[in-house]
């Protein structure tokens, strides 16, 4: 079953916020790179969380700034990969 986008948005925001407790203004459009919030540890944590939670596997082509710049970009990646996996 494909997850609802609103649920994926809530999941991603909650997860990223839990790893960035000193940044209270986190929103879907927060630039994680510009704000200095996305480091290699958070990136690995997010990838692991996505793969475990949604049953998808992210390849090297998915790991880059375009897909992880903001929570919204992460949600877009999850939704596209879940749709591809279900097709």
C-alpha atoms as a PDB file:
ATOM      1  CA  UNK A   1       0.000   0.000   0.000  1.00  0.00           C
ATOM      2  CA  UNK A   2       1.347   3.407  -0.969  1.00  0.00           C
ATOM      3  CA  UNK A   3       1.685   5.798   1.957  1.00  0.00           C
ATOM      4  CA  UNK A   4      -0.196   9.086   1.903  1.00  0.00           C
ATOM      5  CA  UNK A   5       1.985  12.081   1.089  1.00  0.00           C
ATOM      6  CA  UNK A   6       0.813  13.940   4.193  1.00  0.00           C
ATOM      7  CA  UNK A   7       1.917  11.021   6.367  1.00  0.00           C
ATOM      8  CA  UNK A   8       5.329  10.874   4.686  1.00  0.00           C
ATOM      9  CA  UNK A   9       5.691  14.642   5.201  1.00  0.00           C
ATOM     10  CA  UNK A  10       4.869  14.281   8.895  1.00  0.00           C
ATOM     11  CA  UNK A  11       7.233  11.308   9.271  1.00  0.00           C
ATOM     12  CA  UNK A  12      10.156  13.061   7.586  1.00  0.00           C
ATOM     13  CA  UNK A  13       9.642  16.307   9.511  1.00  0.00           C
ATOM     14  CA  UNK A  14       9.415  14.444  12.805  1.00  0.00           C
ATOM     15  CA  UNK A  15      12.524  12.388  12.086  1.00  0.00           C
ATOM     16  CA  UNK A  16      14.662  15.312  10.925  1.00  0.00           C
ATOM     17  CA  UNK A  17      13.430  17.475  13.826  1.00  0.00           C
ATOM     18  CA  UNK A  18      14.420  14.742  16.279  1.00  0.00           C
ATOM     19  CA  UNK A  19      17.972  14.904  14.900  1.00  0.00           C
ATOM     20  CA  UNK A  20      18.062  18.727  14.870  1.00  0.00           C
ATOM     21  CA  UNK A  21      16.602  19.728  18.258  1.00  0.00           C
ATOM     22  CA  UNK A  22      18.325  23.121  18.244  1.00  0.00           C
ATOM     23  CA  UNK A  23      16.472  24.199  15.108  1.00  0.00           C
ATOM     24  CA  UNK A  24      12.849  24.853  16.105  1.00  0.00           C
ATOM     25  CA  UNK A  25      11.743  26.371  12.790  1.00  0.00           C
ATOM     26  CA  UNK A  26      11.988  23.221  10.687  1.00  0.00           C
ATOM     27  CA  UNK A  27       9.496  23.200   7.810  1.00  0.00           C
ATOM     28  CA  UNK A  28       9.088  21.294   4.568  1.00  0.00           C
ATOM     29  CA  UNK A  29      10.901  24.046   2.677  1.00  0.00           C
ATOM     30  CA  UNK A  30      13.822  24.442   5.113  1.00  0.00           C
ATOM     31  CA  UNK A  31      17.086  24.282   3.185  1.00  0.00           C
ATOM     32  CA  UNK A  32      18.937  21.667   5.209  1.00  0.00           C
ATOM     33  CA  UNK A  33      22.230  22.387   3.454  1.00  0.00           C
ATOM     34  CA  UNK A  34      22.073  26.167   3.701  1.00  0.00           C
ATOM     35  CA  UNK A  35      21.105  25.962   7.377  1.00  0.00           C
ATOM     36  CA  UNK A  36      23.960  23.556   8.089  1.00  0.00           C
ATOM     37  CA  UNK A  37      21.594  20.883   9.363  1.00  0.00           C
ATOM     38  CA  UNK A  38      22.453  18.080   6.951  1.00  0.00           C
ATOM     39  CA  UNK A  39      25.737  16.405   7.706  1.00  0.00           C
ATOM     40  CA  UNK A  40      26.927  12.930   6.784  1.00  0.00           C
ATOM     41  CA  UNK A  41      25.485  11.364   9.944  1.00  0.00           C
ATOM     42  CA  UNK A  42      22.034  12.829   9.386  1.00  0.00           C
ATOM     43  CA  UNK A  43      22.174  11.784   5.743  1.00  0.00           C
ATOM     44  CA  UNK A  44      22.917   8.168   6.686  1.00  0.00           C
ATOM     45  CA  UNK A  45      20.219   8.247   9.387  1.00  0.00           C
ATOM     46  CA  UNK A  46      17.631   9.587   6.949  1.00  0.00           C
ATOM     47  CA  UNK A  47      18.518   7.018   4.290  1.00  0.00           C
ATOM     48  CA  UNK A  48      18.299   4.187   6.826  1.00  0.00           C
ATOM     49  CA  UNK A  49      14.970   5.490   8.143  1.00  0.00           C
ATOM     50  CA  UNK A  50      13.521   5.786   4.625  1.00  0.00           C
ATOM     51  CA  UNK A  51      14.639   2.304   3.615  1.00  0.00           C
ATOM     52  CA  UNK A  52      13.335   0.705   6.810  1.00  0.00           C
ATOM     53  CA  UNK A  53      10.064   2.610   7.052  1.00  0.00           C
ATOM     54  CA  UNK A  54       9.010   2.456   3.406  1.00  0.00           C
ATOM     55  CA  UNK A  55      10.653  -0.762   2.241  1.00  0.00           C
ATOM     56  CA  UNK A  56      12.625   0.851  -0.544  1.00  0.00           C
ATOM     57  CA  UNK A  57      16.309   0.761  -1.429  1.00  0.00           C
ATOM     58  CA  UNK A  58      18.094   3.965  -2.384  1.00  0.00           C
ATOM     59  CA  UNK A  59      20.993   3.654  -4.797  1.00  0.00           C
ATOM     60  CA  UNK A  60      23.941   5.980  -5.182  1.00  0.00           C
ATOM     61  CA  UNK A  61      22.107   7.967  -7.850  1.00  0.00           C
ATOM     62  CA  UNK A  62      19.591   9.020  -5.203  1.00  0.00           C
ATOM     63  CA  UNK A  63      22.127  10.242  -2.664  1.00  0.00           C
ATOM     64  CA  UNK A  64      22.870  13.826  -3.554  1.00  0.00           C
ATOM     65  CA  UNK A  65      22.030  17.401  -2.679  1.00  0.00           C
ATOM     66  CA  UNK A  66      19.034  17.583  -5.000  1.00  0.00           C
ATOM     67  CA  UNK A  67      17.219  14.805  -3.144  1.00  0.00           C
ATOM     68  CA  UNK A  68      18.166  15.842   0.394  1.00  0.00           C
ATOM     69  CA  UNK A  69      18.224  19.646   0.251  1.00  0.00           C
ATOM     70  CA  UNK A  70      14.933  20.003   2.127  1.00  0.00           C
ATOM     71  CA  UNK A  71      12.381  17.811   3.854  1.00  0.00           C
ATOM     72  CA  UNK A  72      10.097  18.402   0.841  1.00  0.00           C
ATOM     73  CA  UNK A  73      12.800  17.065  -1.509  1.00  0.00           C
ATOM     74  CA  UNK A  74      13.180  13.995   0.705  1.00  0.00           C
ATOM     75  CA  UNK A  75       9.409  13.452   0.610  1.00  0.00           C
ATOM     76  CA  UNK A  76       9.454  13.747  -3.203  1.00  0.00           C
ATOM     77  CA  UNK A  77      12.204  11.126  -3.343  1.00  0.00           C
ATOM     78  CA  UNK A  78      10.308   8.755  -1.050  1.00  0.00           C
ATOM     79  CA  UNK A  79       7.063   9.135  -2.983  1.00  0.00           C
ATOM     80  CA  UNK A  80       8.751   8.553  -6.354  1.00  0.00           C
ATOM     81  CA  UNK A  81      10.671   5.509  -5.123  1.00  0.00           C
ATOM     82  CA  UNK A  82       7.644   3.975  -3.422  1.00  0.00           C
ATOM     83  CA  UNK A  83       5.641   4.448  -6.640  1.00  0.00           C
ATOM     84  CA  UNK A  84       8.451   2.874  -8.701  1.00  0.00           C
ATOM     85  CA  UNK A  85       8.724  -0.073  -6.325  1.00  0.00           C
ATOM     86  CA  UNK A  86       4.974  -0.691  -6.504  1.00  0.00           C
ATOM     87  CA  UNK A  87       4.781  -0.426 -10.320  1.00  0.00           C
END
